[in-house]
Structures are given as structure tokens and as C-alpha cells.
C-alpha atoms as a PDB file:
ATOM      1  CA  ALA A   1     -13.297 -10.277  -6.933  1.00  0.00           C
ATOM      2  CA  ILE A   2     -10.636 -10.411  -9.608  1.00  0.00           C
ATOM      3  CA  VAL A   3      -7.817 -10.743  -7.086  1.00  0.00           C
ATOM      4  CA  GLN A   4      -9.295 -13.990  -5.763  1.00  0.00           C
ATOM      5  CA  SER A   5      -9.065 -15.476  -9.263  1.00  0.00           C
ATOM      6  CA  LEU A   6      -5.355 -14.662  -9.626  1.00  0.00           C
ATOM      7  CA  PRO A   7      -2.781 -17.356  -8.906  1.00  0.00           C
ATOM      8  CA  ARG A   8      -1.239 -16.935  -5.444  1.00  0.00           C
ATOM      9  CA  SER A   9       2.180 -16.855  -7.141  1.00  0.00           C
ATOM     10  CA  VAL A  10       1.587 -13.422  -8.770  1.00  0.00           C
ATOM     11  CA  GLU A  11       4.595 -11.167  -8.216  1.00  0.00           C
ATOM     12  CA  SER A  12       3.481  -8.021 -10.043  1.00  0.00           C
ATOM     13  CA  LEU A  13       0.031  -6.425 -10.161  1.00  0.00           C
ATOM     14  CA  ASP A  14      -0.421  -3.300 -12.287  1.00  0.00           C
ATOM     15  CA  LEU A  15      -3.852  -1.724 -11.886  1.00  0.00           C
ATOM     16  CA  SER A  16      -2.746   1.772 -12.870  1.00  0.00           C
ATOM     17  CA  GLY A  17      -5.119   3.998 -14.787  1.00  0.00           C
ATOM     18  CA  ASN A  18      -8.254   1.902 -14.244  1.00  0.00           C
ATOM     19  CA  ARG A  19     -10.389   4.591 -12.596  1.00  0.00           C
ATOM     20  CA  LEU A  20     -10.457   2.645  -9.327  1.00  0.00           C
ATOM     21  CA  ARG A  21     -11.938   4.527  -6.391  1.00  0.00           C
ATOM     22  CA  GLY A  22     -12.036   4.117  -2.620  1.00  0.00           C
ATOM     23  CA  ALA A  23     -14.909   1.630  -2.827  1.00  0.00           C
ATOM     24  CA  SER A  24     -12.919  -0.413  -5.343  1.00  0.00           C
ATOM     25  CA  MET A  25     -10.072  -0.682  -2.838  1.00  0.00           C
ATOM     26  CA  GLU A  26     -12.454  -1.827  -0.106  1.00  0.00           C
ATOM     27  CA  THR A  27     -13.645  -4.625  -2.385  1.00  0.00           C
ATOM     28  CA  LEU A  28     -10.119  -5.503  -3.491  1.00  0.00           C
ATOM     29  CA  CYS A  29      -8.558  -5.449  -0.034  1.00  0.00           C
ATOM     30  CA  SER A  30     -11.415  -7.048   1.880  1.00  0.00           C
ATOM     31  CA  ALA A  31     -11.558 -10.065  -0.410  1.00  0.00           C
ATOM     32  CA  SER A  32      -9.908 -11.888   2.446  1.00  0.00           C
ATOM     33  CA  GLN A  33     -11.444 -10.489   5.630  1.00  0.00           C
ATOM     34  CA  THR A  34      -8.635 -11.652   7.866  1.00  0.00           C
ATOM     35  CA  GLY A  35      -5.539 -10.714   5.941  1.00  0.00           C
ATOM     36  CA  GLY A  36      -6.282  -8.612   2.869  1.00  0.00           C
ATOM     37  CA  LEU A  37      -3.873  -8.516  -0.050  1.00  0.00           C
ATOM     38  CA  PRO A  38      -0.951 -10.222   1.725  1.00  0.00           C
ATOM     39  CA  THR A  39      -3.107 -13.299   2.346  1.00  0.00           C
ATOM     40  CA  LEU A  40      -4.443 -13.482  -1.210  1.00  0.00           C
ATOM     41  CA  LEU A  41      -1.150 -12.643  -2.936  1.00  0.00           C
ATOM     42  CA  PRO A  42       1.635 -13.724  -0.565  1.00  0.00           C
ATOM     43  CA  THR A  43       4.374 -13.438  -3.211  1.00  0.00           C
ATOM     44  CA  LEU A  44       3.411  -9.948  -4.444  1.00  0.00           C
ATOM     45  CA  LEU A  45       6.553  -7.864  -5.035  1.00  0.00           C
ATOM     46  CA  HIS A  46       5.211  -4.949  -7.126  1.00  0.00           C
ATOM     47  CA  LEU A  47       1.847  -3.188  -6.772  1.00  0.00           C
ATOM     48  CA  ASP A  48       0.968  -0.238  -8.995  1.00  0.00           C
ATOM     49  CA  LEU A  49      -2.254   1.655  -8.284  1.00  0.00           C
ATOM     50  CA  SER A  50      -1.093   4.942  -9.839  1.00  0.00           C
ATOM     51  CA  ASP A  51      -3.417   7.210 -11.796  1.00  0.00           C
ATOM     52  CA  ASN A  52      -6.563   6.040 -10.022  1.00  0.00           C
ATOM     53  CA  PRO A  53      -8.763   8.481  -8.047  1.00  0.00           C
ATOM     54  CA  LEU A  54      -8.539   6.398  -4.863  1.00  0.00           C
ATOM     55  CA  GLY A  55      -8.729   9.384  -2.554  1.00  0.00           C
ATOM     56  CA  PRO A  56      -7.709   9.285   1.099  1.00  0.00           C
ATOM     57  CA  SER A  57     -10.135   6.460   1.920  1.00  0.00           C
ATOM     58  CA  GLY A  58      -8.822   4.214  -0.857  1.00  0.00           C
ATOM     59  CA  VAL A  59      -5.176   4.771   0.057  1.00  0.00           C
ATOM     60  CA  THR A  60      -6.031   4.219   3.729  1.00  0.00           C
ATOM     61  CA  THR A  61      -7.716   0.923   2.860  1.00  0.00           C
ATOM     62  CA  VAL A  62      -4.651  -0.238   0.922  1.00  0.00           C
ATOM     63  CA  ALA A  63      -2.338   0.819   3.764  1.00  0.00           C
ATOM     64  CA  GLN A  64      -4.420  -1.004   6.371  1.00  0.00           C
ATOM     65  CA  SER A  65      -4.555  -4.119   4.234  1.00  0.00           C
ATOM     66  CA  LEU A  66      -0.782  -4.153   3.821  1.00  0.00           C
ATOM     67  CA  SER A  67      -0.129  -3.655   7.515  1.00  0.00           C
ATOM     68  CA  SER A  68      -2.383  -6.370   8.905  1.00  0.00           C
ATOM     69  CA  PRO A  69      -1.408  -9.810   7.628  1.00  0.00           C
ATOM     70  CA  LEU A  70      -2.634 -12.941   9.392  1.00  0.00           C
ATOM     71  CA  SER A  71       0.461 -13.496  11.478  1.00  0.00           C
ATOM     72  CA  PRO A  72       1.539 -10.575  13.665  1.00  0.00           C
ATOM     73  CA  SER A  73       5.182 -11.390  12.902  1.00  0.00           C
ATOM     74  CA  ALA A  74       4.687 -11.823   9.143  1.00  0.00           C
ATOM     75  CA  VAL A  75       6.683  -9.593   6.831  1.00  0.00           C
ATOM     76  CA  ILE A  76       5.265  -8.768   3.400  1.00  0.00           C
ATOM     77  CA  PRO A  77       7.720  -9.221   0.492  1.00  0.00           C
ATOM     78  CA  LEU A  78       6.435  -6.120  -1.371  1.00  0.00           C
ATOM     79  CA  GLN A  79       9.356  -4.222  -2.916  1.00  0.00           C
ATOM     80  CA  SER A  80       7.562  -1.564  -4.946  1.00  0.00           C
ATOM     81  CA  LEU A  81       4.377   0.341  -4.117  1.00  0.00           C
ATOM     82  CA  LYS A  82       3.239   2.949  -6.607  1.00  0.00           C
ATOM     83  CA  LEU A  83       0.472   5.306  -5.539  1.00  0.00           C
ATOM     84  CA  ALA A  84       1.268   8.279  -7.800  1.00  0.00           C
ATOM     85  CA  ARG A  85      -1.598  10.639  -8.584  1.00  0.00           C
ATOM     86  CA  THR A  86      -4.131   8.796  -6.418  1.00  0.00           C
ATOM     87  CA  ARG A  87      -5.419  11.881  -4.568  1.00  0.00           C
ATOM     88  CA  ALA A  88      -4.095  10.421  -1.307  1.00  0.00           C
ATOM     89  CA  LYS A  89      -3.960  13.789   0.479  1.00  0.00           C
ATOM     90  CA  ALA A  90      -2.645  14.080   4.048  1.00  0.00           C
ATOM     91  CA  LYS A  91      -5.029  11.491   5.514  1.00  0.00           C
ATOM     92  CA  GLY A  92      -4.028   8.769   3.029  1.00  0.00           C
ATOM     93  CA  VAL A  93      -0.308   9.458   3.426  1.00  0.00           C
ATOM     94  CA  GLU A  94      -0.717   9.473   7.214  1.00  0.00           C
ATOM     95  CA  ALA A  95      -2.314   6.004   7.046  1.00  0.00           C
ATOM     96  CA  LEU A  96       0.516   4.844   4.800  1.00  0.00           C
ATOM     97  CA  GLY A  97       3.095   6.166   7.274  1.00  0.00           C
ATOM     98  CA  LYS A  98       1.361   4.295  10.096  1.00  0.00           C
ATOM     99  CA  ALA A  99       1.297   1.132   7.995  1.00  0.00           C
ATOM    100  CA  LEU A 100       5.031   1.436   7.360  1.00  0.00           C
ATOM    101  CA  GLN A 101       5.655   1.817  11.091  1.00  0.00           C
ATOM    102  CA  THR A 102       4.218  -1.659  11.702  1.00  0.00           C
ATOM    103  CA  ARG A 103       7.430  -2.970  10.104  1.00  0.00           C
ATOM    104  CA  LYS A 104       5.494  -5.366   7.865  1.00  0.00           C
ATOM    105  CA  LEU A 105       6.995  -3.841   4.689  1.00  0.00           C
ATOM    106  CA  LEU A 106      10.687  -4.284   5.471  1.00  0.00           C
ATOM    107  CA  SER A 107      11.466  -5.223   1.844  1.00  0.00           C
ATOM    108  CA  LEU A 108       9.987  -2.036   0.372  1.00  0.00           C
ATOM    109  CA  GLN A 109      12.523  -0.359  -1.926  1.00  0.00           C
ATOM    110  CA  THR A 110      10.337   2.002  -3.973  1.00  0.00           C
ATOM    111  CA  LEU A 111       7.438   4.129  -2.767  1.00  0.00           C
ATOM    112  CA  ASP A 112       5.999   6.438  -5.430  1.00  0.00           C
ATOM    113  CA  LEU A 113       3.642   9.115  -4.127  1.00  0.00           C
ATOM    114  CA  GLU A 114       4.166  11.663  -6.915  1.00  0.00           C
ATOM    115  CA  GLY A 115       1.362  14.124  -7.546  1.00  0.00           C
ATOM    116  CA  ASN A 116      -0.471  13.733  -4.229  1.00  0.00           C
ATOM    117  CA  ASP A 117      -1.348  16.693  -2.035  1.00  0.00           C
ATOM    118  CA  MET A 118       0.323  15.326   1.101  1.00  0.00           C
ATOM    119  CA  ARG A 119       0.655  18.445   3.252  1.00  0.00           C
ATOM    120  CA  PRO A 120       3.065  18.574   6.215  1.00  0.00           C
ATOM    121  CA  ALA A 121       0.743  16.465   8.385  1.00  0.00           C
ATOM    122  CA  GLY A 122       0.916  13.502   6.014  1.00  0.00           C
ATOM    123  CA  LEU A 123       4.614  13.891   5.383  1.00  0.00           C
ATOM    124  CA  GLN A 124       5.350  13.884   9.109  1.00  0.00           C
ATOM    125  CA  HIS A 125       4.019  10.323   9.509  1.00  0.00           C
ATOM    126  CA  LEU A 126       5.861   9.174   6.415  1.00  0.00           C
ATOM    127  CA  ALA A 127       9.106  10.771   7.592  1.00  0.00           C
ATOM    128  CA  SER A 128       8.701   9.202  11.037  1.00  0.00           C
ATOM    129  CA  ALA A 129       8.492   5.733   9.504  1.00  0.00           C
ATOM    130  CA  VAL A 130      11.547   6.328   7.334  1.00  0.00           C
ATOM    131  CA  THR A 131      13.698   7.811  10.111  1.00  0.00           C
ATOM    132  CA  ALA A 132      12.653   5.040  12.534  1.00  0.00           C
ATOM    133  CA  GLY A 133      14.129   2.485  10.137  1.00  0.00           C
ATOM    134  CA  ALA A 134      10.759   0.865   9.415  1.00  0.00           C
ATOM    135  CA  VAL A 135      11.693   0.649   5.716  1.00  0.00           C
ATOM    136  CA  PRO A 136      15.443  -0.054   5.801  1.00  0.00           C
ATOM    137  CA  HIS A 137      15.720  -0.921   2.105  1.00  0.00           C
ATOM    138  CA  LEU A 138      13.808   2.120   0.786  1.00  0.00           C
ATOM    139  CA  ARG A 139      15.840   3.628  -2.048  1.00  0.00           C
ATOM    140  CA  VAL A 140      13.296   5.635  -4.046  1.00  0.00           C
ATOM    141  CA  LEU A 141      10.734   7.924  -2.483  1.00  0.00           C
END
């Protein structure tokens, strides 16, 4: 996988507009079976997956990868997560809300979900994470 060939010191990864799909995210995020993206790129601050047809399964895979690092107490330094126009739908946004509630993304400042059909069900999980203080530094939603 391409992510495995990147230096562990990468701070910004822009994969926007690359026609990535749900299966692509499974490959990308399962490159390290035990810890996903946080294990492979521990210094990642900015991740942009916008304008890819990830669908609910792809967004769910990303969310699960970001919420399950090796150490249960580990916090991921990610500050910006862009998932605009990824066809996340309610199921993908719900998974993202659950991932935020794990309090692994305490540094997150920007979460871009523009152009996704989230529905009230998805928004409820996202709102719960925000109101519970799971993302205390979130400034842009």
C-alpha cells in the first residue's frame, strides 16, 4: 500500500479527488491490522479525502481506523479531517460520531462534511460527540 511507503513523519495527506471508494479505504486503513492510520502515520495532522465516492462503508472504515490506535489511552494528533462530498450518508456520519466519542481525536479543529446526505440520524451522533466535549478544540464544522 502507498501509505506504508510514506515516511512516518508525514503531517499532511491529501488524497482528495482520486476516485477512492470504500474498498480503497479498507486497503488504506488495514495496512496495519492492529492500529490503522494512526500507527502508520503517527504525526498526521491533516487528512483530506474529499471528493471521493467513499460511501458509508468507506467513511466508516476511516472512522474506525482513527478511533482504534494501538494504545487505548493514545490520542491522535489529527487537527483537520476533510470528508466533503464523500457520500457518507447517515451511516458514515454515525460511525464518525462514534469515533469522535472515543476521545482519540482531542486535537481535531476542523471537520469538513460538506455535501454529504447526513440525515438527522447521522447528525445526532455527531452532535452528541460535540456536546459531550469529545472534540474540545473543534472550531470549524
